[in-house]
Amino acid sequence: MTQNAAQDEFEARVAPIWARAQAGDEEAYRDALHRIAQRLRGWLRRRMQTLPDDVEDLVQETLLAVHLQRGTWDPTLPLGAWVLAIARHKLIDLWRRRGRRDALHMPLDDVDETLMATADTEAPARRDLLQLLDELPEAQQRAIVLTKIEGLSVAEASARTGASVSAIKVQVHRGLKRLAARVRSEP
């Protein structure tokens, strides 16, 4: 099987499961992580032939990063390219920790560059925002995401959630107040 065919098969099998997982399906999430882990093991084994004992550790590190960064996945981009970009960064971090400068010159890419996500300069701010939002109660978080991030009107957010217009306004106000207090308290 060619590399492109393997990539296409991975996308066809895992991307729909990942999309269900992103929508809150816990069983789909476990299944997607299992399939991603299988893909990562093979990808990392080929690149870590001199460090075979570290493959599983790096698979687990990458899965943790996928879990923590799952909110940054763009459904318009290939899931495999997004996962392998995270794995690539974890692999480079490992080589740096080990002082393996010569390994940094090994070819990293078996993935077509056109499938790779472009560098997102807003990613750190997005990550920070998502971390802050995760600290809010669900209702406040949802109200803020719908009105301030997705740009829905309060009435549209109300229709989507089933909460009253005044409840949405209160949740947004309380959530923003809580976020402001949290940001001010950080060093």
Protein backbone atom coordinates (compact mmCIF):
# COMPACT_ATOMS: atom_id res chain seq x y z
CA MET A 1 0.00 0.00 0.00
CA THR A 2 1.44 3.38 -0.96
CA GLN A 3 1.88 6.11 1.63
CA ASN A 4 -0.85 8.27 0.08
CA ALA A 5 -3.25 5.34 0.05
CA ALA A 6 -2.47 4.67 3.72
CA GLN A 7 -3.07 8.35 4.53
CA ASP A 8 -6.35 8.34 2.62
CA GLU A 9 -7.46 5.16 4.39
CA PHE A 10 -6.55 6.62 7.78
CA GLU A 11 -8.51 9.80 7.01
CA ALA A 12 -11.52 7.85 5.78
CA ARG A 13 -11.60 5.62 8.87
CA VAL A 14 -10.60 7.97 11.66
CA ALA A 15 -11.74 11.48 10.71
CA PRO A 16 -15.48 10.67 11.02
CA ILE A 17 -14.86 9.00 14.39
CA TRP A 18 -12.83 12.02 15.54
CA ALA A 19 -15.61 14.36 14.45
CA ARG A 20 -18.10 12.39 16.59
CA ALA A 21 -15.60 12.50 19.46
CA GLN A 22 -15.32 16.27 19.12
CA ALA A 23 -19.11 16.41 19.44
CA GLY A 24 -18.89 14.66 22.82
CA ASP A 25 -19.16 10.94 21.99
CA GLU A 26 -16.86 9.34 24.60
CA GLU A 27 -16.81 5.92 22.94
CA ALA A 28 -15.81 7.50 19.63
CA TYR A 29 -13.10 9.47 21.46
CA ARG A 30 -11.59 6.28 22.91
CA ASP A 31 -11.78 4.57 19.52
CA ALA A 32 -10.19 7.55 17.75
CA LEU A 33 -7.32 7.74 20.27
CA HIS A 34 -6.74 3.99 19.90
CA ARG A 35 -6.53 4.26 16.11
CA ILE A 36 -4.35 7.38 16.32
CA ALA A 37 -2.01 5.56 18.73
CA GLN A 38 -1.63 2.68 16.25
CA ARG A 39 -0.76 5.13 13.47
CA LEU A 40 1.70 6.98 15.71
CA ARG A 41 3.53 3.81 16.77
CA GLY A 42 4.39 2.94 13.18
CA TRP A 43 5.29 6.51 12.27
CA LEU A 44 7.52 6.94 15.33
CA ARG A 45 9.18 3.50 15.05
CA ARG A 46 10.46 4.43 11.59
CA ARG A 47 11.98 7.64 12.93
CA MET A 48 13.24 6.34 16.27
CA GLN A 49 15.13 3.23 15.22
CA THR A 50 18.01 4.21 17.52
CA LEU A 51 15.60 4.85 20.43
CA PRO A 52 13.13 1.93 20.31
CA ASP A 53 12.54 2.01 24.07
CA ASP A 54 11.23 5.58 23.85
CA VAL A 55 8.60 4.97 21.16
CA GLU A 56 5.74 4.15 23.53
CA ASP A 57 6.58 7.09 25.81
CA LEU A 58 6.46 9.42 22.85
CA VAL A 59 3.19 7.91 21.64
CA GLN A 60 1.70 8.65 25.07
CA GLU A 61 3.14 12.20 25.12
CA THR A 62 1.67 12.82 21.68
CA LEU A 63 -1.74 11.44 22.67
CA LEU A 64 -1.74 13.73 25.70
CA ALA A 65 -0.90 16.70 23.48
CA VAL A 66 -3.67 15.66 21.04
CA HIS A 67 -6.08 15.55 23.98
CA LEU A 68 -5.00 18.94 25.30
CA GLN A 69 -4.97 20.56 21.85
CA ARG A 70 -8.16 18.92 20.52
CA GLY A 71 -9.87 22.31 20.46
CA THR A 72 -7.36 23.57 17.89
CA TRP A 73 -8.20 20.90 15.29
CA ASP A 74 -9.62 22.47 12.16
CA PRO A 75 -12.15 20.08 10.59
CA THR A 76 -11.32 21.48 7.14
CA LEU A 77 -7.78 20.08 7.40
CA PRO A 78 -6.73 16.41 7.37
CA LEU A 79 -6.75 14.88 10.86
CA GLY A 80 -3.66 12.80 10.08
CA ALA A 81 -1.61 15.85 9.14
CA TRP A 82 -2.67 17.61 12.36
CA VAL A 83 -1.77 14.58 14.52
CA LEU A 84 1.56 14.04 12.75
CA ALA A 85 2.45 17.72 13.16
CA ILE A 86 1.98 17.32 16.91
CA ALA A 87 4.00 14.08 16.87
CA ARG A 88 6.76 15.78 14.87
CA HIS A 89 7.04 18.52 17.49
CA LYS A 90 7.17 15.94 20.29
CA LEU A 91 9.87 14.01 18.43
CA ILE A 92 11.98 17.13 17.95
CA ASP A 93 11.53 17.97 21.65
CA LEU A 94 12.77 14.47 22.53
CA TRP A 95 15.82 14.86 20.33
CA ARG A 96 16.57 18.22 21.86
CA ARG A 97 16.24 16.82 25.37
CA ARG A 98 18.65 14.05 24.45
CA GLY A 99 21.06 16.42 22.77
CA ARG A 100 20.71 14.57 19.49
CA ARG A 101 21.58 17.39 17.16
CA ASP A 102 22.48 14.96 14.39
CA ALA A 103 18.96 13.51 14.54
CA LEU A 104 17.51 16.93 13.75
CA HIS A 105 18.98 16.56 10.27
CA MET A 106 17.11 13.33 9.55
CA PRO A 107 14.22 13.63 7.12
CA LEU A 108 11.06 14.10 9.12
CA ASP A 109 8.43 14.29 6.46
CA ASP A 110 6.70 11.41 4.82
CA VAL A 111 3.61 13.60 4.59
CA ASP A 112 2.95 15.75 1.57
CA GLU A 113 3.60 19.37 2.59
CA THR A 114 0.38 20.46 0.93
CA LEU A 115 -1.52 18.43 3.54
CA MET A 116 0.23 20.14 6.44
CA ALA A 117 -1.55 22.83 8.36
CA THR A 118 0.00 26.25 7.99
CA ALA A 119 1.56 27.90 10.99
CA ASP A 120 -1.11 29.61 13.00
CA THR A 121 0.24 32.70 14.73
CA GLU A 122 -2.96 32.91 16.77
CA ALA A 123 -2.56 29.37 18.17
CA PRO A 124 -0.95 30.40 21.49
CA ALA A 125 -3.67 32.97 22.18
CA ARG A 126 -6.34 30.46 21.18
CA ARG A 127 -4.81 27.84 23.47
CA ASP A 128 -4.73 30.31 26.37
CA LEU A 129 -8.33 31.33 25.74
CA LEU A 130 -9.46 27.71 25.62
CA GLN A 131 -7.66 27.00 28.90
CA LEU A 132 -9.33 29.98 30.54
CA LEU A 133 -12.74 29.00 29.18
CA ASP A 134 -12.30 25.46 30.52
CA GLU A 135 -12.24 26.94 34.04
CA LEU A 136 -15.74 28.38 33.65
CA PRO A 137 -18.98 26.57 34.38
CA GLU A 138 -20.46 24.98 31.27
CA ALA A 139 -23.32 27.49 30.89
CA GLN A 140 -21.00 30.51 31.09
CA GLN A 141 -18.50 28.90 28.75
CA ARG A 142 -21.15 28.08 26.15
CA ALA A 143 -22.73 31.54 26.34
CA ILE A 144 -19.36 33.25 25.82
CA VAL A 145 -18.32 30.96 22.97
CA LEU A 146 -21.61 31.46 21.15
CA THR A 147 -21.85 35.24 21.56
CA LYS A 148 -18.25 36.46 21.75
CA ILE A 149 -16.34 33.89 19.70
CA GLU A 150 -18.87 32.57 17.18
CA GLY A 151 -20.51 35.99 16.93
CA LEU A 152 -24.12 34.95 17.47
CA SER A 153 -26.59 37.47 18.81
CA VAL A 154 -27.95 36.89 22.30
CA ALA A 155 -31.27 35.87 20.73
CA GLU A 156 -29.55 33.35 18.43
CA ALA A 157 -27.56 31.91 21.35
CA SER A 158 -30.79 31.68 23.31
CA ALA A 159 -32.48 29.79 20.48
CA ARG A 160 -29.53 27.42 20.11
CA THR A 161 -29.21 26.60 23.83
CA GLY A 162 -32.83 26.82 24.92
CA ALA A 163 -31.89 29.29 27.68
CA SER A 164 -33.72 32.58 27.93
CA VAL A 165 -32.22 35.76 26.47
CA SER A 166 -31.74 37.19 29.94
CA ALA A 167 -30.05 33.96 31.12
CA ILE A 168 -27.59 34.18 28.22
CA LYS A 169 -26.84 37.83 29.08
CA VAL A 170 -26.27 36.93 32.74
CA GLN A 171 -24.03 33.96 31.85
CA VAL A 172 -21.94 36.08 29.49
CA HIS A 173 -21.62 38.88 32.07
CA ARG A 174 -20.68 36.52 34.91
CA GLY A 175 -18.30 34.52 32.73
CA LEU A 176 -16.47 37.60 31.43
CA LYS A 177 -16.26 38.99 34.94
CA ARG A 178 -14.79 35.71 36.16
CA LEU A 179 -12.31 35.58 33.27
CA ALA A 180 -11.21 39.18 33.92
CA ALA A 181 -10.62 38.40 37.59
CA ARG A 182 -8.64 35.28 36.66
CA VAL A 183 -6.46 37.18 34.17
CA ARG A 184 -5.81 39.99 36.66
CA SER A 185 -4.77 37.52 39.37
CA GLU A 186 -2.10 35.85 37.20
CA PRO A 187 1.49 37.06 37.67
